[in-house]
């Protein structure tokens, strides 16, 4: 149970950090990477679940 809680917290933390970092990336850089502002949360969620 403790392992599961730690894992969930780590995933949540990775999600929050990814969203925060991507929000500071300029639009042009995001566009070059093929990511729109609307996709940031979806991409961060995907990245945090597949670590």
C-alpha atoms as a PDB file:
ATOM      1  CA  UNK A   1       0.000   0.000   0.000  1.00  0.00           C
ATOM      2  CA  UNK A   2       2.815   2.406   0.836  1.00  0.00           C
ATOM      3  CA  UNK A   3       4.479   1.635  -2.494  1.00  0.00           C
ATOM      4  CA  UNK A   4       1.260   2.494  -4.347  1.00  0.00           C
ATOM      5  CA  UNK A   5       0.888   5.776  -2.472  1.00  0.00           C
ATOM      6  CA  UNK A   6       4.498   6.736  -3.198  1.00  0.00           C
ATOM      7  CA  UNK A   7       4.074   5.801  -6.852  1.00  0.00           C
ATOM      8  CA  UNK A   8       0.910   7.884  -7.207  1.00  0.00           C
ATOM      9  CA  UNK A   9       2.555  10.846  -5.525  1.00  0.00           C
ATOM     10  CA  UNK A  10       5.591  10.562  -7.816  1.00  0.00           C
ATOM     11  CA  UNK A  11       3.328  10.490 -10.887  1.00  0.00           C
ATOM     12  CA  UNK A  12       1.357  13.491  -9.668  1.00  0.00           C
ATOM     13  CA  UNK A  13       4.542  15.412  -8.925  1.00  0.00           C
ATOM     14  CA  UNK A  14       5.977  14.594 -12.363  1.00  0.00           C
ATOM     15  CA  UNK A  15       2.725  15.789 -13.956  1.00  0.00           C
ATOM     16  CA  UNK A  16       2.760  19.094 -12.058  1.00  0.00           C
ATOM     17  CA  UNK A  17       6.426  19.734 -12.838  1.00  0.00           C
ATOM     18  CA  UNK A  18       5.952  18.969 -16.519  1.00  0.00           C
ATOM     19  CA  UNK A  19       2.956  21.302 -16.792  1.00  0.00           C
ATOM     20  CA  UNK A  20       4.820  24.087 -15.003  1.00  0.00           C
ATOM     21  CA  UNK A  21       7.862  23.736 -17.252  1.00  0.00           C
ATOM     22  CA  UNK A  22       5.893  23.548 -20.493  1.00  0.00           C
ATOM     23  CA  UNK A  23       3.871  26.646 -19.581  1.00  0.00           C
ATOM     24  CA  UNK A  24       7.108  28.636 -19.569  1.00  0.00           C
ATOM     25  CA  UNK A  25       8.204  27.447 -23.011  1.00  0.00           C
ATOM     26  CA  UNK A  26       7.652  30.011 -25.792  1.00  0.00           C
ATOM     27  CA  UNK A  27       4.862  29.293 -28.282  1.00  0.00           C
ATOM     28  CA  UNK A  28       7.321  29.016 -31.173  1.00  0.00           C
ATOM     29  CA  UNK A  29       9.353  26.356 -29.382  1.00  0.00           C
ATOM     30  CA  UNK A  30       6.209  24.397 -28.536  1.00  0.00           C
ATOM     31  CA  UNK A  31       5.100  24.640 -32.157  1.00  0.00           C
ATOM     32  CA  UNK A  32       8.486  23.353 -33.314  1.00  0.00           C
ATOM     33  CA  UNK A  33       7.976  20.349 -31.019  1.00  0.00           C
ATOM     34  CA  UNK A  34       4.464  19.817 -32.389  1.00  0.00           C
ATOM     35  CA  UNK A  35       2.712  20.761 -29.140  1.00  0.00           C
ATOM     36  CA  UNK A  36      -0.057  23.329 -28.796  1.00  0.00           C
ATOM     37  CA  UNK A  37      -0.856  25.168 -25.563  1.00  0.00           C
ATOM     38  CA  UNK A  38      -4.108  23.220 -25.349  1.00  0.00           C
ATOM     39  CA  UNK A  39      -2.180  19.933 -25.338  1.00  0.00           C
ATOM     40  CA  UNK A  40       0.132  20.724 -22.426  1.00  0.00           C
ATOM     41  CA  UNK A  41      -1.926  18.998 -19.729  1.00  0.00           C
ATOM     42  CA  UNK A  42      -2.617  15.963 -21.917  1.00  0.00           C
ATOM     43  CA  UNK A  43       1.059  15.590 -22.841  1.00  0.00           C
ATOM     44  CA  UNK A  44       2.119  16.034 -19.206  1.00  0.00           C
ATOM     45  CA  UNK A  45      -0.394  13.425 -18.060  1.00  0.00           C
ATOM     46  CA  UNK A  46       0.858  10.965 -20.657  1.00  0.00           C
ATOM     47  CA  UNK A  47       4.502  11.603 -19.736  1.00  0.00           C
ATOM     48  CA  UNK A  48       3.865  11.202 -16.007  1.00  0.00           C
ATOM     49  CA  UNK A  49       2.083   7.876 -16.466  1.00  0.00           C
ATOM     50  CA  UNK A  50       4.800   6.406 -18.681  1.00  0.00           C
ATOM     51  CA  UNK A  51       7.875   7.039 -16.592  1.00  0.00           C
END
